[in-house]
Amino acid sequence: MNTLGYFEIQSSNPEREIDFYATVFDWSFDRDESVPIEYYRLIGAGVQGALLKRPVKVPPKEHGTNAFTCSFQVKNFDKTAQTILDKGGQVAMPKFAIPGRCWQGYFLDADQNVFGIFEMDEDAF
């Protein structure tokens, strides 16, 4: 039962991050006016989530994260990584093997949110 049930992405520029995640993961978002802050619900991603207007300043670079970091399984690590970079994302930790399991890497969106992607590959070394 202890599976990821919901996540939120904070953004100082929600339109920019909505465009970023829509392009990278083919996600869509709907504004939820019933929430008393600028809040966009994630639609059709297979997991419940949202993107919200960041309520405080962006943490300084090189200070790590103060949150859970979610990783998303993708079909093709290299193709997805290139799409992330093309949309203005940055590499936080380059692609590496988890031997016998997958290829993993971490990235930053334009608002310095860290997220991971991984491609399953039993031959990873």
C-alpha atoms as a PDB file:
ATOM      1  CA  MET A   1       0.000   0.000   0.000  1.00  0.00           C
ATOM      2  CA  ASN A   2       2.909   2.394   0.561  1.00  0.00           C
ATOM      3  CA  THR A   3       3.047   3.620  -3.036  1.00  0.00           C
ATOM      4  CA  LEU A   4       3.260   7.150  -4.378  1.00  0.00           C
ATOM      5  CA  GLY A   5      -0.288   8.469  -4.256  1.00  0.00           C
ATOM      6  CA  TYR A   6       0.139  12.171  -5.019  1.00  0.00           C
ATOM      7  CA  PHE A   7       2.892  14.661  -5.747  1.00  0.00           C
ATOM      8  CA  GLU A   8       3.179  18.391  -6.288  1.00  0.00           C
ATOM      9  CA  ILE A   9       5.613  20.460  -8.334  1.00  0.00           C
ATOM     10  CA  GLN A  10       6.206  24.010  -7.145  1.00  0.00           C
ATOM     11  CA  SER A  11       6.885  26.706  -9.722  1.00  0.00           C
ATOM     12  CA  SER A  12       7.544  30.435  -9.714  1.00  0.00           C
ATOM     13  CA  ASN A  13       6.304  30.429 -13.344  1.00  0.00           C
ATOM     14  CA  PRO A  14       3.531  27.816 -13.702  1.00  0.00           C
ATOM     15  CA  GLU A  15       2.959  28.419 -17.437  1.00  0.00           C
ATOM     16  CA  ARG A  16       6.628  27.694 -18.155  1.00  0.00           C
ATOM     17  CA  GLU A  17       6.689  24.460 -16.127  1.00  0.00           C
ATOM     18  CA  ILE A  18       3.327  23.305 -17.533  1.00  0.00           C
ATOM     19  CA  ASP A  19       4.789  23.676 -21.043  1.00  0.00           C
ATOM     20  CA  PHE A  20       7.983  21.886 -19.954  1.00  0.00           C
ATOM     21  CA  TYR A  21       6.247  18.845 -18.424  1.00  0.00           C
ATOM     22  CA  ALA A  22       3.645  18.699 -21.204  1.00  0.00           C
ATOM     23  CA  THR A  23       6.453  18.410 -23.749  1.00  0.00           C
ATOM     24  CA  VAL A  24       8.720  16.066 -21.779  1.00  0.00           C
ATOM     25  CA  PHE A  25       6.108  13.627 -20.392  1.00  0.00           C
ATOM     26  CA  ASP A  26       3.010  14.470 -22.498  1.00  0.00           C
ATOM     27  CA  TRP A  27       1.156  15.584 -19.361  1.00  0.00           C
ATOM     28  CA  SER A  28      -1.749  18.015 -19.247  1.00  0.00           C
ATOM     29  CA  PHE A  29      -2.900  20.249 -16.418  1.00  0.00           C
ATOM     30  CA  ASP A  30      -6.224  21.883 -15.511  1.00  0.00           C
ATOM     31  CA  ARG A  31      -6.479  24.947 -13.282  1.00  0.00           C
ATOM     32  CA  ASP A  32      -8.418  24.138 -10.101  1.00  0.00           C
ATOM     33  CA  GLU A  33     -10.206  27.331  -9.061  1.00  0.00           C
ATOM     34  CA  SER A  34     -11.543  25.680  -5.878  1.00  0.00           C
ATOM     35  CA  VAL A  35      -8.060  25.767  -4.325  1.00  0.00           C
ATOM     36  CA  PRO A  36      -7.216  29.139  -2.721  1.00  0.00           C
ATOM     37  CA  ILE A  37      -3.809  29.315  -4.456  1.00  0.00           C
ATOM     38  CA  GLU A  38      -2.785  29.075  -8.124  1.00  0.00           C
ATOM     39  CA  TYR A  39      -3.096  25.304  -8.541  1.00  0.00           C
ATOM     40  CA  TYR A  40      -3.134  23.040 -11.605  1.00  0.00           C
ATOM     41  CA  ARG A  41      -4.201  19.399 -11.377  1.00  0.00           C
ATOM     42  CA  LEU A  42      -2.287  16.826 -13.414  1.00  0.00           C
ATOM     43  CA  ILE A  43      -4.580  14.997 -15.835  1.00  0.00           C
ATOM     44  CA  GLY A  44      -4.098  11.481 -17.230  1.00  0.00           C
ATOM     45  CA  ALA A  45      -0.554  10.742 -16.023  1.00  0.00           C
ATOM     46  CA  GLY A  46      -1.273   7.460 -14.235  1.00  0.00           C
ATOM     47  CA  VAL A  47      -0.541   9.037 -10.844  1.00  0.00           C
ATOM     48  CA  GLN A  48      -2.281  11.929  -9.137  1.00  0.00           C
ATOM     49  CA  GLY A  49      -0.378  15.159  -8.916  1.00  0.00           C
ATOM     50  CA  ALA A  50      -0.442  18.888  -9.404  1.00  0.00           C
ATOM     51  CA  LEU A  51       1.635  21.951 -10.138  1.00  0.00           C
ATOM     52  CA  LEU A  52       1.267  25.007  -7.939  1.00  0.00           C
ATOM     53  CA  LYS A  53       2.526  28.561  -7.789  1.00  0.00           C
ATOM     54  CA  ARG A  54       5.612  28.471  -5.553  1.00  0.00           C
ATOM     55  CA  PRO A  55       4.687  30.133  -2.232  1.00  0.00           C
ATOM     56  CA  VAL A  56       8.290  31.027  -1.279  1.00  0.00           C
ATOM     57  CA  LYS A  57      11.602  31.838  -2.984  1.00  0.00           C
ATOM     58  CA  VAL A  58      13.394  29.220  -5.074  1.00  0.00           C
ATOM     59  CA  PRO A  59      16.105  27.506  -2.961  1.00  0.00           C
ATOM     60  CA  PRO A  60      19.661  28.589  -3.868  1.00  0.00           C
ATOM     61  CA  LYS A  61      21.547  26.448  -6.374  1.00  0.00           C
ATOM     62  CA  GLU A  62      24.058  23.921  -5.054  1.00  0.00           C
ATOM     63  CA  HIS A  63      22.055  23.433  -1.833  1.00  0.00           C
ATOM     64  CA  GLY A  64      20.324  20.179  -2.737  1.00  0.00           C
ATOM     65  CA  THR A  65      16.650  19.485  -2.323  1.00  0.00           C
ATOM     66  CA  ASN A  66      14.454  19.769   0.704  1.00  0.00           C
ATOM     67  CA  ALA A  67      11.816  17.336  -0.541  1.00  0.00           C
ATOM     68  CA  PHE A  68      11.229  13.916  -1.992  1.00  0.00           C
ATOM     69  CA  THR A  69      12.605  13.513  -5.494  1.00  0.00           C
ATOM     70  CA  CYS A  70      10.351  11.570  -7.855  1.00  0.00           C
ATOM     71  CA  SER A  71      11.723   9.551 -10.773  1.00  0.00           C
ATOM     72  CA  PHE A  72       9.655   8.683 -13.819  1.00  0.00           C
ATOM     73  CA  GLN A  73      10.045   5.554 -15.912  1.00  0.00           C
ATOM     74  CA  VAL A  74      10.548   6.367 -19.600  1.00  0.00           C
ATOM     75  CA  LYS A  75      10.842   4.206 -22.705  1.00  0.00           C
ATOM     76  CA  ASN A  76      14.056   5.820 -23.940  1.00  0.00           C
ATOM     77  CA  PHE A  77      16.372   7.570 -21.478  1.00  0.00           C
ATOM     78  CA  ASP A  78      18.522   9.330 -24.081  1.00  0.00           C
ATOM     79  CA  LYS A  79      15.585  10.628 -26.123  1.00  0.00           C
ATOM     80  CA  THR A  80      13.774  11.905 -23.026  1.00  0.00           C
ATOM     81  CA  ALA A  81      16.980  13.488 -21.686  1.00  0.00           C
ATOM     82  CA  GLN A  82      17.461  15.342 -24.971  1.00  0.00           C
ATOM     83  CA  THR A  83      13.861  16.598 -24.857  1.00  0.00           C
ATOM     84  CA  ILE A  84      14.458  17.846 -21.305  1.00  0.00           C
ATOM     85  CA  LEU A  85      17.576  19.730 -22.412  1.00  0.00           C
ATOM     86  CA  ASP A  86      15.830  21.102 -25.517  1.00  0.00           C
ATOM     87  CA  LYS A  87      13.095  22.529 -23.276  1.00  0.00           C
ATOM     88  CA  GLY A  88      15.596  24.314 -21.038  1.00  0.00           C
ATOM     89  CA  GLY A  89      16.132  21.634 -18.393  1.00  0.00           C
ATOM     90  CA  GLN A  90      19.579  20.936 -16.970  1.00  0.00           C
ATOM     91  CA  VAL A  91      21.427  17.818 -15.926  1.00  0.00           C
ATOM     92  CA  ALA A  92      21.643  17.523 -12.131  1.00  0.00           C
ATOM     93  CA  MET A  93      23.279  14.070 -12.129  1.00  0.00           C
ATOM     94  CA  PRO A  94      24.318  12.435 -15.426  1.00  0.00           C
ATOM     95  CA  LYS A  95      23.005   9.083 -16.608  1.00  0.00           C
ATOM     96  CA  PHE A  96      24.343   6.157 -14.589  1.00  0.00           C
ATOM     97  CA  ALA A  97      23.648   2.435 -14.369  1.00  0.00           C
ATOM     98  CA  ILE A  98      21.944   0.672 -11.539  1.00  0.00           C
ATOM     99  CA  PRO A  99      23.510  -2.655 -12.513  1.00  0.00           C
ATOM    100  CA  GLY A 100      21.051  -5.236 -13.745  1.00  0.00           C
ATOM    101  CA  ARG A 101      18.063  -2.890 -13.302  1.00  0.00           C
ATOM    102  CA  CYS A 102      18.018   0.409 -15.165  1.00  0.00           C
ATOM    103  CA  TRP A 103      19.652   3.598 -16.388  1.00  0.00           C
ATOM    104  CA  GLN A 104      18.961   6.539 -14.036  1.00  0.00           C
ATOM    105  CA  GLY A 105      19.634  10.274 -14.128  1.00  0.00           C
ATOM    106  CA  TYR A 106      18.451  13.492 -12.498  1.00  0.00           C
ATOM    107  CA  PHE A 107      17.517  16.831 -14.012  1.00  0.00           C
ATOM    108  CA  LEU A 108      16.416  20.334 -13.064  1.00  0.00           C
ATOM    109  CA  ASP A 109      13.485  22.135 -14.620  1.00  0.00           C
ATOM    110  CA  ALA A 110      13.716  25.903 -15.155  1.00  0.00           C
ATOM    111  CA  ASP A 111      12.564  26.509 -11.573  1.00  0.00           C
ATOM    112  CA  GLN A 112      15.352  24.291 -10.167  1.00  0.00           C
ATOM    113  CA  ASN A 113      12.992  21.431  -9.228  1.00  0.00           C
ATOM    114  CA  VAL A 114      14.888  18.121  -9.231  1.00  0.00           C
ATOM    115  CA  PHE A 115      13.318  15.071 -10.854  1.00  0.00           C
ATOM    116  CA  GLY A 116      14.645  11.781 -12.122  1.00  0.00           C
ATOM    117  CA  ILE A 117      14.053   9.600 -15.134  1.00  0.00           C
ATOM    118  CA  PHE A 118      14.943   5.938 -15.585  1.00  0.00           C
ATOM    119  CA  GLU A 119      14.829   3.359 -18.355  1.00  0.00           C
ATOM    120  CA  MET A 120      14.523  -0.279 -17.323  1.00  0.00           C
ATOM    121  CA  ASP A 121      17.399  -2.367 -18.732  1.00  0.00           C
ATOM    122  CA  GLU A 122      18.564  -5.642 -17.192  1.00  0.00           C
ATOM    123  CA  ASP A 123      21.815  -5.223 -19.156  1.00  0.00           C
ATOM    124  CA  ALA A 124      22.665  -1.875 -17.525  1.00  0.00           C
ATOM    125  CA  PHE A 125      26.199  -1.888 -16.110  1.00  0.00           C
END
